[in-house]
Amino acid sequence: MPLELYIPDAPPLTFVDGSKGHGMVGEAVMTAIANAGYVAHVHVLPWARSQKHVSETQDILIAPLSRTQEREDRFTWIAPIMPMERAFFSLDRPVSSFEQAKQTYRGIGVGLGSAQEEILREQGFSDEQIHPLTIGDNPAQMLLKGRIDAWFNGVPESRYIWPKVSERTLHMSPVMSSVQLYLACSKQCSAQLVQDLRAAVETLRDDGTLARIQKRYLSP
């Protein structure tokens, strides 16, 4: 039975072009789906639109999705894949707290439709400070051009993207937030599907496959 799976193009978490594998989360999810006896059809839309479509439809999968307060009631949460640590990245002035970031940075780039945007709003950052940008290397380019002062993003993604954009030193704050990334489904989701995929993900966790996949994508 084919399943629709929505992912963002967010290396190294997910690669839309699967020629190098589907990424740390993407590969784990694709493996779990196959092991549970299903076939995945991968779809890509702008990330905010993907979330809206999946939450309002039925039996559609989405990953990687941070389990945040705002999203809690909009999806069926199947299984955590890995924790996502987030930090501020800048060309100078690394900060050590949300409070200091609020005072220091006028413009902070975040992925459009990402949990980063939600986290900063919860921490009391103003609309003027938060600059939602297309997920990918766009925020890195904006930082390099001085259009934003900092980039609030997932650590593996930023470390993966930056060397492809610039040789300049990228400063990282301490980790400010750690939220689990999930394989999730529409709010209306078959109990059997949830059960099958949850069991498949847990098997991958127990036999060390999840850890091996993550390590492979983080290796230089």
N, C-alpha and C. Protein backbone atom coordinates (compact mmCIF):
# COMPACT_ATOMS: atom_id res chain seq x y z
N MET A 1 0.85 -1.20 0.00
CA MET A 1 0.00 0.00 0.00
C MET A 1 0.88 1.25 0.00
N PRO A 2 0.75 2.11 -1.03
CA PRO A 2 1.61 3.30 -1.07
C PRO A 2 1.18 4.34 -0.04
N LEU A 3 2.18 4.96 0.58
CA LEU A 3 1.93 6.02 1.56
C LEU A 3 2.55 7.31 1.03
N GLU A 4 1.86 8.42 1.24
CA GLU A 4 2.42 9.71 0.87
C GLU A 4 3.24 10.24 2.03
N LEU A 5 4.48 10.63 1.74
CA LEU A 5 5.39 11.16 2.77
C LEU A 5 5.88 12.53 2.33
N TYR A 6 5.64 13.54 3.16
CA TYR A 6 6.09 14.90 2.88
C TYR A 6 7.35 15.20 3.67
N ILE A 7 8.39 15.67 2.95
CA ILE A 7 9.65 16.04 3.60
C ILE A 7 10.10 17.39 3.06
N PRO A 8 10.92 18.12 3.82
CA PRO A 8 11.55 19.33 3.28
C PRO A 8 12.90 18.96 2.68
N ASP A 9 13.45 19.83 1.84
CA ASP A 9 14.82 19.62 1.37
C ASP A 9 15.72 20.29 2.40
N ALA A 10 16.11 19.53 3.43
CA ALA A 10 16.86 20.10 4.56
C ALA A 10 18.04 19.19 4.92
N PRO A 11 19.06 19.13 4.03
CA PRO A 11 20.24 18.31 4.33
C PRO A 11 20.92 18.76 5.62
N PRO A 12 21.50 17.86 6.41
CA PRO A 12 21.62 16.41 6.18
C PRO A 12 20.44 15.62 6.77
N LEU A 13 19.38 16.33 7.24
CA LEU A 13 18.24 15.62 7.84
C LEU A 13 17.45 14.89 6.76
N THR A 14 17.14 15.60 5.68
CA THR A 14 16.39 15.01 4.57
C THR A 14 16.95 15.52 3.25
N PHE A 15 17.16 14.61 2.32
CA PHE A 15 17.57 14.95 0.96
C PHE A 15 16.40 14.61 0.04
N VAL A 16 15.97 15.57 -0.75
CA VAL A 16 14.89 15.31 -1.69
C VAL A 16 15.41 14.46 -2.85
N ASP A 17 16.61 14.80 -3.34
CA ASP A 17 17.26 13.97 -4.35
C ASP A 17 17.89 12.79 -3.61
N GLY A 18 17.33 11.63 -3.77
CA GLY A 18 17.78 10.48 -2.98
C GLY A 18 19.03 9.80 -3.49
N SER A 19 19.77 10.42 -4.43
CA SER A 19 20.94 9.76 -5.01
C SER A 19 22.04 9.54 -3.98
N LYS A 20 22.09 10.41 -2.94
CA LYS A 20 23.09 10.23 -1.89
C LYS A 20 22.45 9.64 -0.63
N GLY A 21 21.28 9.04 -0.78
CA GLY A 21 20.53 8.60 0.40
C GLY A 21 19.53 9.70 0.76
N HIS A 22 18.63 9.40 1.66
CA HIS A 22 17.56 10.37 1.98
C HIS A 22 17.83 11.19 3.24
N GLY A 23 19.04 11.08 3.81
CA GLY A 23 19.37 11.91 4.97
C GLY A 23 19.19 11.18 6.29
N MET A 24 19.63 11.83 7.37
CA MET A 24 19.62 11.23 8.71
C MET A 24 18.22 10.79 9.14
N VAL A 25 17.26 11.65 8.91
CA VAL A 25 15.88 11.33 9.28
C VAL A 25 15.17 10.63 8.12
N GLY A 26 15.38 11.15 6.92
CA GLY A 26 14.71 10.60 5.74
C GLY A 26 14.98 9.11 5.54
N GLU A 27 16.24 8.73 5.69
CA GLU A 27 16.60 7.32 5.49
C GLU A 27 15.99 6.44 6.58
N ALA A 28 16.01 6.93 7.82
CA ALA A 28 15.41 6.17 8.93
C ALA A 28 13.93 5.93 8.67
N VAL A 29 13.24 6.99 8.23
CA VAL A 29 11.80 6.92 7.98
C VAL A 29 11.50 5.98 6.80
N MET A 30 12.27 6.13 5.71
CA MET A 30 12.04 5.28 4.53
C MET A 30 12.28 3.80 4.88
N THR A 31 13.31 3.55 5.69
CA THR A 31 13.62 2.17 6.09
C THR A 31 12.49 1.60 6.94
N ALA A 32 12.00 2.40 7.90
CA ALA A 32 10.90 1.95 8.76
C ALA A 32 9.64 1.65 7.94
N ILE A 33 9.34 2.53 6.99
CA ILE A 33 8.15 2.34 6.14
C ILE A 33 8.27 1.04 5.35
N ALA A 34 9.45 0.81 4.75
CA ALA A 34 9.67 -0.42 3.97
C ALA A 34 9.59 -1.66 4.86
N ASN A 35 10.23 -1.58 6.04
CA ASN A 35 10.23 -2.74 6.95
C ASN A 35 8.82 -3.07 7.46
N ALA A 36 7.95 -2.04 7.50
CA ALA A 36 6.57 -2.27 7.95
C ALA A 36 5.69 -2.79 6.81
N GLY A 37 6.27 -2.91 5.61
CA GLY A 37 5.54 -3.49 4.49
C GLY A 37 4.80 -2.49 3.62
N TYR A 38 5.20 -1.22 3.72
CA TYR A 38 4.56 -0.17 2.92
C TYR A 38 5.55 0.38 1.89
N VAL A 39 5.04 1.15 0.95
CA VAL A 39 5.87 1.84 -0.04
C VAL A 39 5.64 3.34 0.13
N ALA A 40 6.72 4.13 0.16
CA ALA A 40 6.58 5.57 0.35
C ALA A 40 6.69 6.32 -0.98
N HIS A 41 5.77 7.24 -1.21
CA HIS A 41 5.88 8.18 -2.32
C HIS A 41 6.25 9.53 -1.70
N VAL A 42 7.44 10.02 -2.04
CA VAL A 42 7.94 11.25 -1.41
C VAL A 42 7.41 12.48 -2.15
N HIS A 43 6.92 13.45 -1.36
CA HIS A 43 6.42 14.72 -1.91
C HIS A 43 7.15 15.89 -1.25
N VAL A 44 7.32 16.96 -2.00
CA VAL A 44 7.98 18.16 -1.46
C VAL A 44 7.13 19.38 -1.80
N LEU A 45 6.76 20.12 -0.77
CA LEU A 45 6.09 21.41 -0.91
C LEU A 45 6.82 22.38 0.01
N PRO A 46 6.62 23.70 -0.12
CA PRO A 46 7.13 24.59 0.91
C PRO A 46 6.69 24.07 2.29
N TRP A 47 7.58 24.13 3.27
CA TRP A 47 7.38 23.40 4.53
C TRP A 47 6.10 23.77 5.27
N ALA A 48 5.77 25.04 5.32
CA ALA A 48 4.53 25.46 6.00
C ALA A 48 3.30 24.87 5.29
N ARG A 49 3.35 24.82 3.95
CA ARG A 49 2.23 24.28 3.19
C ARG A 49 2.13 22.76 3.38
N SER A 50 3.27 22.09 3.44
CA SER A 50 3.28 20.64 3.69
C SER A 50 2.56 20.33 5.00
N GLN A 51 2.89 21.09 6.05
CA GLN A 51 2.29 20.84 7.37
C GLN A 51 0.77 21.06 7.33
N LYS A 52 0.35 22.12 6.66
CA LYS A 52 -1.08 22.42 6.59
C LYS A 52 -1.80 21.30 5.84
N HIS A 53 -1.24 20.88 4.71
CA HIS A 53 -1.85 19.84 3.89
C HIS A 53 -1.96 18.52 4.67
N VAL A 54 -0.88 18.12 5.31
CA VAL A 54 -0.86 16.84 6.04
C VAL A 54 -1.84 16.87 7.21
N SER A 55 -1.84 17.97 7.96
CA SER A 55 -2.70 18.02 9.16
C SER A 55 -4.19 18.00 8.79
N GLU A 56 -4.52 18.54 7.61
CA GLU A 56 -5.94 18.64 7.22
C GLU A 56 -6.42 17.47 6.38
N THR A 57 -5.51 16.57 6.00
CA THR A 57 -5.89 15.43 5.16
C THR A 57 -5.95 14.18 6.03
N GLN A 58 -5.84 13.01 5.44
CA GLN A 58 -5.96 11.77 6.22
C GLN A 58 -4.88 10.78 5.81
N ASP A 59 -4.27 10.14 6.80
CA ASP A 59 -3.29 9.06 6.57
C ASP A 59 -2.10 9.48 5.71
N ILE A 60 -1.62 10.72 5.91
CA ILE A 60 -0.43 11.18 5.18
C ILE A 60 0.69 11.40 6.19
N LEU A 61 1.90 11.00 5.81
CA LEU A 61 3.05 11.08 6.71
C LEU A 61 3.86 12.35 6.46
N ILE A 62 4.55 12.80 7.52
CA ILE A 62 5.42 13.97 7.41
C ILE A 62 6.61 13.79 8.35
N ALA A 63 7.79 14.18 7.88
CA ALA A 63 9.00 14.10 8.70
C ALA A 63 10.08 14.99 8.07
N PRO A 64 11.02 15.50 8.91
CA PRO A 64 11.06 15.44 10.35
C PRO A 64 10.26 16.60 10.94
N LEU A 65 9.43 16.33 11.91
CA LEU A 65 8.58 17.36 12.50
C LEU A 65 8.88 17.47 14.00
N SER A 66 9.28 18.68 14.43
CA SER A 66 9.53 18.90 15.85
C SER A 66 8.20 18.91 16.59
N ARG A 67 8.17 18.21 17.71
CA ARG A 67 6.93 18.13 18.49
C ARG A 67 6.85 19.34 19.42
N THR A 68 6.16 20.35 18.96
CA THR A 68 6.05 21.60 19.73
C THR A 68 4.60 21.79 20.20
N GLN A 69 4.46 22.70 21.12
CA GLN A 69 3.14 22.98 21.73
C GLN A 69 2.10 23.34 20.67
N GLU A 70 2.51 24.20 19.74
CA GLU A 70 1.58 24.71 18.73
C GLU A 70 1.11 23.59 17.77
N ARG A 71 1.98 22.60 17.57
CA ARG A 71 1.66 21.53 16.62
C ARG A 71 1.00 20.32 17.27
N GLU A 72 1.05 20.25 18.58
CA GLU A 72 0.66 19.03 19.32
C GLU A 72 -0.68 18.44 18.87
N ASP A 73 -1.70 19.29 18.77
CA ASP A 73 -3.05 18.79 18.46
C ASP A 73 -3.35 18.69 16.97
N ARG A 74 -2.38 19.03 16.13
CA ARG A 74 -2.65 19.05 14.69
C ARG A 74 -2.19 17.78 13.98
N PHE A 75 -1.43 16.95 14.69
CA PHE A 75 -0.87 15.75 14.06
C PHE A 75 -1.01 14.53 14.98
N THR A 76 -0.81 13.35 14.38
CA THR A 76 -0.67 12.12 15.15
C THR A 76 0.83 11.83 15.21
N TRP A 77 1.37 11.75 16.42
CA TRP A 77 2.82 11.62 16.59
C TRP A 77 3.18 10.14 16.66
N ILE A 78 3.83 9.64 15.61
CA ILE A 78 4.10 8.20 15.51
C ILE A 78 5.30 7.79 16.36
N ALA A 79 6.47 8.38 16.10
CA ALA A 79 7.66 7.98 16.86
C ALA A 79 8.76 9.03 16.70
N PRO A 80 9.52 9.26 17.80
CA PRO A 80 10.67 10.15 17.68
C PRO A 80 11.79 9.47 16.91
N ILE A 81 12.50 10.24 16.08
CA ILE A 81 13.62 9.69 15.31
C ILE A 81 14.95 10.10 15.94
N MET A 82 15.07 11.37 16.28
CA MET A 82 16.31 11.87 16.91
C MET A 82 16.03 13.24 17.54
N PRO A 83 16.83 13.63 18.54
CA PRO A 83 16.67 14.98 19.08
C PRO A 83 17.31 16.00 18.15
N MET A 84 16.74 17.19 18.08
CA MET A 84 17.32 18.26 17.27
C MET A 84 17.77 19.39 18.19
N GLU A 85 19.07 19.61 18.22
CA GLU A 85 19.61 20.72 19.02
C GLU A 85 19.66 21.96 18.14
N ARG A 86 19.26 23.08 18.72
CA ARG A 86 19.25 24.34 17.96
C ARG A 86 20.08 25.39 18.68
N ALA A 87 20.71 26.26 17.89
CA ALA A 87 21.58 27.30 18.46
C ALA A 87 21.57 28.51 17.54
N PHE A 88 22.15 29.60 18.04
CA PHE A 88 22.34 30.81 17.22
C PHE A 88 23.70 30.71 16.52
N PHE A 89 23.69 31.03 15.22
CA PHE A 89 24.95 31.08 14.46
C PHE A 89 25.15 32.50 13.97
N SER A 90 26.39 32.99 14.10
CA SER A 90 26.68 34.37 13.68
C SER A 90 28.13 34.47 13.23
N LEU A 91 28.45 35.59 12.58
CA LEU A 91 29.83 35.83 12.13
C LEU A 91 30.65 36.48 13.23
N ASP A 92 29.99 36.99 14.24
CA ASP A 92 30.70 37.53 15.41
C ASP A 92 29.74 37.49 16.60
N ARG A 93 30.16 37.97 17.71
CA ARG A 93 29.31 38.11 18.90
C ARG A 93 28.46 36.87 19.22
N PRO A 94 29.09 35.70 19.50
CA PRO A 94 28.24 34.59 19.92
C PRO A 94 27.56 34.95 21.25
N VAL A 95 26.29 34.65 21.36
CA VAL A 95 25.55 34.96 22.59
C VAL A 95 25.46 33.70 23.46
N SER A 96 25.09 33.88 24.73
CA SER A 96 25.04 32.72 25.62
C SER A 96 23.64 32.44 26.17
N SER A 97 22.65 33.26 25.75
CA SER A 97 21.29 33.04 26.24
C SER A 97 20.28 33.67 25.27
N PHE A 98 19.02 33.24 25.40
CA PHE A 98 17.95 33.87 24.61
C PHE A 98 17.87 35.36 24.94
N GLU A 99 18.02 35.68 26.23
CA GLU A 99 17.90 37.07 26.68
C GLU A 99 18.97 37.94 26.03
N GLN A 100 20.18 37.41 25.99
CA GLN A 100 21.28 38.16 25.37
C GLN A 100 21.05 38.30 23.86
N ALA A 101 20.54 37.25 23.24
CA ALA A 101 20.25 37.29 21.80
C ALA A 101 19.21 38.37 21.50
N LYS A 102 18.23 38.47 22.39
CA LYS A 102 17.17 39.46 22.21
C LYS A 102 17.74 40.88 22.19
N GLN A 103 18.73 41.11 23.06
CA GLN A 103 19.36 42.44 23.16
C GLN A 103 20.37 42.67 22.04
N THR A 104 20.98 41.61 21.53
CA THR A 104 22.12 41.74 20.61
C THR A 104 21.73 41.78 19.15
N TYR A 105 20.80 40.91 18.75
CA TYR A 105 20.51 40.74 17.32
C TYR A 105 19.26 41.50 16.90
N ARG A 106 19.40 42.32 15.86
CA ARG A 106 18.22 43.02 15.32
C ARG A 106 17.42 42.09 14.40
N GLY A 107 18.16 41.31 13.58
CA GLY A 107 17.49 40.42 12.64
C GLY A 107 18.01 38.99 12.76
N ILE A 108 17.10 38.03 12.97
CA ILE A 108 17.49 36.63 13.13
C ILE A 108 16.78 35.80 12.06
N GLY A 109 17.55 35.10 11.24
CA GLY A 109 16.97 34.25 10.21
C GLY A 109 16.52 32.91 10.79
N VAL A 110 15.34 32.47 10.38
CA VAL A 110 14.82 31.15 10.77
C VAL A 110 14.19 30.51 9.54
N GLY A 111 14.12 29.19 9.51
CA GLY A 111 13.49 28.49 8.39
C GLY A 111 11.98 28.77 8.38
N LEU A 112 11.47 29.11 7.22
CA LEU A 112 10.04 29.40 7.06
C LEU A 112 9.21 28.16 7.41
N GLY A 113 8.29 28.32 8.36
CA GLY A 113 7.44 27.21 8.77
C GLY A 113 8.12 26.24 9.71
N SER A 114 9.33 26.61 10.19
CA SER A 114 10.09 25.71 11.06
C SER A 114 9.74 25.93 12.53
N ALA A 115 10.16 24.97 13.36
CA ALA A 115 9.95 25.11 14.81
C ALA A 115 10.78 26.26 15.37
N GLN A 116 11.87 26.62 14.67
CA GLN A 116 12.72 27.72 15.15
C GLN A 116 11.90 29.00 15.32
N GLU A 117 11.04 29.26 14.35
CA GLU A 117 10.21 30.47 14.39
C GLU A 117 9.32 30.45 15.64
N GLU A 118 8.70 29.29 15.88
CA GLU A 118 7.81 29.14 17.03
C GLU A 118 8.57 29.29 18.35
N ILE A 119 9.77 28.70 18.42
CA ILE A 119 10.58 28.77 19.65
C ILE A 119 10.92 30.21 19.98
N LEU A 120 11.35 30.98 18.98
CA LEU A 120 11.72 32.38 19.24
C LEU A 120 10.51 33.20 19.68
N ARG A 121 9.35 32.95 19.07
CA ARG A 121 8.14 33.69 19.48
C ARG A 121 7.79 33.37 20.94
N GLU A 122 7.90 32.09 21.30
CA GLU A 122 7.62 31.68 22.69
C GLU A 122 8.59 32.36 23.67
N GLN A 123 9.80 32.63 23.19
CA GLN A 123 10.82 33.26 24.04
C GLN A 123 10.69 34.79 24.07
N GLY A 124 9.68 35.31 23.36
CA GLY A 124 9.40 36.74 23.44
C GLY A 124 10.15 37.62 22.45
N PHE A 125 10.71 37.03 21.39
CA PHE A 125 11.35 37.85 20.35
C PHE A 125 10.25 38.56 19.55
N SER A 126 10.57 39.75 19.07
CA SER A 126 9.56 40.54 18.36
C SER A 126 9.48 40.11 16.89
N ASP A 127 8.35 40.45 16.25
CA ASP A 127 8.17 40.15 14.83
C ASP A 127 9.28 40.79 13.99
N GLU A 128 9.74 41.99 14.42
CA GLU A 128 10.78 42.70 13.67
C GLU A 128 12.09 41.93 13.70
N GLN A 129 12.32 41.20 14.80
CA GLN A 129 13.59 40.46 14.93
C GLN A 129 13.59 39.15 14.15
N ILE A 130 12.42 38.55 13.97
CA ILE A 130 12.34 37.23 13.35
C ILE A 130 12.15 37.35 11.84
N HIS A 131 13.08 36.78 11.10
CA HIS A 131 13.02 36.83 9.63
C HIS A 131 12.86 35.41 9.08
N PRO A 132 11.62 34.98 8.78
CA PRO A 132 11.43 33.64 8.21
C PRO A 132 11.94 33.60 6.77
N LEU A 133 12.81 32.62 6.49
CA LEU A 133 13.44 32.51 5.18
C LEU A 133 13.29 31.08 4.66
N THR A 134 13.31 30.94 3.34
CA THR A 134 13.20 29.61 2.74
C THR A 134 14.24 28.67 3.32
N ILE A 135 13.82 27.46 3.70
CA ILE A 135 14.73 26.49 4.28
C ILE A 135 15.79 26.10 3.26
N GLY A 136 17.02 25.88 3.74
CA GLY A 136 18.14 25.55 2.87
C GLY A 136 19.29 26.51 3.12
N ASP A 137 20.04 26.88 2.05
CA ASP A 137 21.21 27.74 2.28
C ASP A 137 20.87 29.24 2.25
N ASN A 138 19.60 29.57 2.02
CA ASN A 138 19.20 30.98 1.95
C ASN A 138 19.58 31.78 3.21
N PRO A 139 19.26 31.28 4.43
CA PRO A 139 19.65 32.04 5.63
C PRO A 139 21.17 32.23 5.73
N ALA A 140 21.93 31.21 5.34
CA ALA A 140 23.40 31.32 5.39
C ALA A 140 23.89 32.43 4.45
N GLN A 141 23.30 32.50 3.27
CA GLN A 141 23.67 33.55 2.30
C GLN A 141 23.32 34.93 2.85
N MET A 142 22.16 35.03 3.48
CA MET A 142 21.71 36.33 4.05
C MET A 142 22.65 36.77 5.18
N LEU A 143 23.11 35.80 5.98
CA LEU A 143 24.04 36.10 7.07
C LEU A 143 25.36 36.61 6.50
N LEU A 144 25.82 35.96 5.46
CA LEU A 144 27.08 36.32 4.82
C LEU A 144 27.02 37.74 4.25
N LYS A 145 25.85 38.11 3.70
CA LYS A 145 25.68 39.45 3.10
C LYS A 145 25.37 40.52 4.14
N GLY A 146 25.23 40.12 5.41
CA GLY A 146 24.92 41.09 6.46
C GLY A 146 23.47 41.51 6.49
N ARG A 147 22.59 40.76 5.83
CA ARG A 147 21.16 41.11 5.81
C ARG A 147 20.47 40.68 7.11
N ILE A 148 21.04 39.68 7.79
CA ILE A 148 20.58 39.29 9.13
C ILE A 148 21.81 39.23 10.03
N ASP A 149 21.60 39.36 11.34
CA ASP A 149 22.72 39.35 12.29
C ASP A 149 23.03 37.94 12.79
N ALA A 150 22.03 37.06 12.76
CA ALA A 150 22.23 35.71 13.27
C ALA A 150 21.25 34.76 12.59
N TRP A 151 21.54 33.49 12.74
CA TRP A 151 20.72 32.42 12.16
C TRP A 151 20.41 31.46 13.29
N PHE A 152 19.14 31.28 13.60
CA PHE A 152 18.75 30.34 14.65
C PHE A 152 18.29 29.08 13.96
N ASN A 153 19.03 27.99 14.18
CA ASN A 153 18.78 26.82 13.35
C ASN A 153 19.28 25.55 14.03
N GLY A 154 18.93 24.41 13.42
CA GLY A 154 19.43 23.13 13.90
C GLY A 154 20.93 23.02 13.68
N VAL A 155 21.62 22.45 14.65
CA VAL A 155 23.09 22.38 14.60
C VAL A 155 23.60 21.54 13.42
N PRO A 156 23.12 20.29 13.20
CA PRO A 156 23.67 19.51 12.08
C PRO A 156 23.45 20.18 10.72
N GLU A 157 22.28 20.78 10.55
CA GLU A 157 21.96 21.43 9.27
C GLU A 157 22.89 22.61 9.00
N SER A 158 23.08 23.46 10.01
CA SER A 158 23.93 24.65 9.82
C SER A 158 25.38 24.25 9.56
N ARG A 159 25.85 23.25 10.30
CA ARG A 159 27.24 22.79 10.11
C ARG A 159 27.44 22.13 8.75
N TYR A 160 26.38 21.57 8.22
CA TYR A 160 26.44 20.93 6.89
C TYR A 160 26.44 21.99 5.79
N ILE A 161 25.58 23.00 5.94
CA ILE A 161 25.39 24.01 4.89
C ILE A 161 26.54 25.01 4.81
N TRP A 162 27.02 25.49 5.97
CA TRP A 162 27.94 26.63 5.99
C TRP A 162 29.21 26.44 5.15
N PRO A 163 29.93 25.30 5.25
CA PRO A 163 31.15 25.15 4.46
C PRO A 163 30.90 25.20 2.95
N LYS A 164 29.69 24.92 2.53
CA LYS A 164 29.35 24.99 1.10
C LYS A 164 29.10 26.44 0.66
N VAL A 165 28.93 27.33 1.64
CA VAL A 165 28.59 28.73 1.35
C VAL A 165 29.79 29.65 1.53
N SER A 166 30.60 29.39 2.55
CA SER A 166 31.70 30.32 2.88
C SER A 166 32.81 29.62 3.66
N GLU A 167 34.02 30.20 3.56
CA GLU A 167 35.15 29.70 4.36
C GLU A 167 35.30 30.50 5.64
N ARG A 168 34.48 31.52 5.80
CA ARG A 168 34.57 32.33 7.03
C ARG A 168 34.16 31.51 8.24
N THR A 169 34.67 31.88 9.40
CA THR A 169 34.34 31.16 10.64
C THR A 169 32.91 31.47 11.06
N LEU A 170 32.16 30.43 11.34
CA LEU A 170 30.79 30.60 11.82
C LEU A 170 30.79 30.33 13.33
N HIS A 171 30.36 31.32 14.10
CA HIS A 171 30.34 31.17 15.56
C HIS A 171 29.00 30.60 16.01
N MET A 172 29.07 29.67 16.94
CA MET A 172 27.85 29.02 17.43
C MET A 172 27.67 29.29 18.92
N SER A 173 26.46 29.63 19.29
CA SER A 173 26.13 29.80 20.72
C SER A 173 26.04 28.43 21.38
N PRO A 174 25.92 28.37 22.71
CA PRO A 174 25.57 27.08 23.32
C PRO A 174 24.21 26.62 22.78
N VAL A 175 23.94 25.34 22.90
CA VAL A 175 22.64 24.81 22.46
C VAL A 175 21.54 25.47 23.30
N MET A 176 20.55 26.05 22.62
CA MET A 176 19.48 26.79 23.30
C MET A 176 18.20 25.98 23.45
N SER A 177 18.06 24.96 22.63
CA SER A 177 16.81 24.21 22.61
C SER A 177 17.08 22.82 22.06
N SER A 178 16.44 21.82 22.64
CA SER A 178 16.54 20.46 22.10
C SER A 178 15.14 19.86 22.09
N VAL A 179 14.63 19.57 20.90
CA VAL A 179 13.28 19.04 20.75
C VAL A 179 13.36 17.80 19.87
N GLN A 180 12.59 16.77 20.18
CA GLN A 180 12.61 15.55 19.38
C GLN A 180 12.02 15.79 17.99
N LEU A 181 12.68 15.23 16.98
CA LEU A 181 12.14 15.23 15.61
C LEU A 181 11.37 13.93 15.41
N TYR A 182 10.15 14.04 14.94
CA TYR A 182 9.25 12.90 14.83
C TYR A 182 8.92 12.53 13.40
N LEU A 183 8.55 11.28 13.22
CA LEU A 183 7.74 10.86 12.09
C LEU A 183 6.30 11.06 12.57
N ALA A 184 5.54 11.86 11.84
CA ALA A 184 4.16 12.15 12.25
C ALA A 184 3.20 11.83 11.11
N CYS A 185 1.92 11.86 11.43
CA CYS A 185 0.88 11.55 10.46
C CYS A 185 -0.23 12.59 10.59
N SER A 186 -1.15 12.60 9.65
CA SER A 186 -2.31 13.49 9.74
C SER A 186 -3.02 13.29 11.08
N LYS A 187 -3.77 14.29 11.48
CA LYS A 187 -4.56 14.17 12.72
C LYS A 187 -5.47 12.94 12.62
N GLN A 188 -6.10 12.75 11.46
CA GLN A 188 -6.90 11.55 11.22
C GLN A 188 -5.99 10.51 10.58
N CYS A 189 -5.56 9.54 11.37
CA CYS A 189 -4.59 8.58 10.88
C CYS A 189 -4.97 7.17 11.35
N SER A 190 -4.87 6.22 10.46
CA SER A 190 -5.23 4.84 10.75
C SER A 190 -4.43 4.31 11.94
N ALA A 191 -5.13 3.74 12.92
CA ALA A 191 -4.48 3.19 14.11
C ALA A 191 -3.51 2.07 13.73
N GLN A 192 -3.88 1.30 12.72
CA GLN A 192 -3.02 0.20 12.27
C GLN A 192 -1.71 0.73 11.68
N LEU A 193 -1.82 1.79 10.89
CA LEU A 193 -0.64 2.42 10.29
C LEU A 193 0.30 2.95 11.38
N VAL A 194 -0.28 3.65 12.36
CA VAL A 194 0.52 4.19 13.46
C VAL A 194 1.23 3.06 14.20
N GLN A 195 0.50 2.00 14.48
CA GLN A 195 1.05 0.86 15.22
C GLN A 195 2.20 0.21 14.43
N ASP A 196 1.98 -0.02 13.13
CA ASP A 196 2.99 -0.68 12.29
C ASP A 196 4.27 0.15 12.21
N LEU A 197 4.12 1.47 11.98
CA LEU A 197 5.30 2.33 11.80
C LEU A 197 6.01 2.58 13.13
N ARG A 198 5.25 2.71 14.19
CA ARG A 198 5.86 2.91 15.52
C ARG A 198 6.74 1.70 15.87
N ALA A 199 6.21 0.51 15.63
CA ALA A 199 6.97 -0.72 15.92
C ALA A 199 8.22 -0.78 15.04
N ALA A 200 8.09 -0.40 13.77
CA ALA A 200 9.24 -0.45 12.85
C ALA A 200 10.34 0.52 13.27
N VAL A 201 9.95 1.74 13.71
CA VAL A 201 10.95 2.72 14.16
C VAL A 201 11.64 2.22 15.43
N GLU A 202 10.87 1.68 16.35
CA GLU A 202 11.46 1.20 17.62
C GLU A 202 12.43 0.05 17.37
N THR A 203 12.12 -0.81 16.40
CA THR A 203 13.04 -1.91 16.04
C THR A 203 14.36 -1.33 15.53
N LEU A 204 14.28 -0.30 14.69
CA LEU A 204 15.50 0.34 14.17
C LEU A 204 16.31 0.99 15.30
N ARG A 205 15.60 1.53 16.28
CA ARG A 205 16.30 2.14 17.42
C ARG A 205 17.00 1.05 18.25
N ASP A 206 16.25 -0.03 18.52
CA ASP A 206 16.77 -1.10 19.38
C ASP A 206 17.96 -1.83 18.76
N ASP A 207 17.94 -2.01 17.44
CA ASP A 207 19.05 -2.78 16.84
C ASP A 207 20.22 -1.89 16.39
N GLY A 208 20.13 -0.59 16.72
CA GLY A 208 21.26 0.31 16.45
C GLY A 208 21.27 0.93 15.06
N THR A 209 20.25 0.61 14.24
CA THR A 209 20.22 1.14 12.86
C THR A 209 20.09 2.67 12.85
N LEU A 210 19.24 3.22 13.71
CA LEU A 210 19.05 4.69 13.74
C LEU A 210 20.38 5.39 14.02
N ALA A 211 21.11 4.88 15.01
CA ALA A 211 22.39 5.49 15.38
C ALA A 211 23.40 5.39 14.23
N ARG A 212 23.41 4.25 13.54
CA ARG A 212 24.34 4.06 12.42
C ARG A 212 24.03 5.01 11.27
N ILE A 213 22.74 5.18 10.98
CA ILE A 213 22.34 6.10 9.90
C ILE A 213 22.80 7.52 10.22
N GLN A 214 22.54 7.98 11.46
CA GLN A 214 22.90 9.33 11.85
C GLN A 214 24.41 9.54 11.77
N LYS A 215 25.14 8.55 12.24
CA LYS A 215 26.61 8.66 12.25
C LYS A 215 27.15 8.78 10.83
N ARG A 216 26.57 8.03 9.90
CA ARG A 216 27.04 8.04 8.52
C ARG A 216 26.91 9.43 7.89
N TYR A 217 25.81 10.12 8.18
CA TYR A 217 25.59 11.43 7.58
C TYR A 217 26.40 12.54 8.28
N LEU A 218 26.81 12.29 9.52
CA LEU A 218 27.59 13.29 10.24
C LEU A 218 29.08 13.13 9.98
N SER A 219 29.48 11.96 9.45
CA SER A 219 30.90 11.74 9.16
C SER A 219 31.33 12.62 7.99
N PRO A 220 32.52 13.26 8.11
CA PRO A 220 32.98 14.14 7.03
C PRO A 220 33.20 13.38 5.74
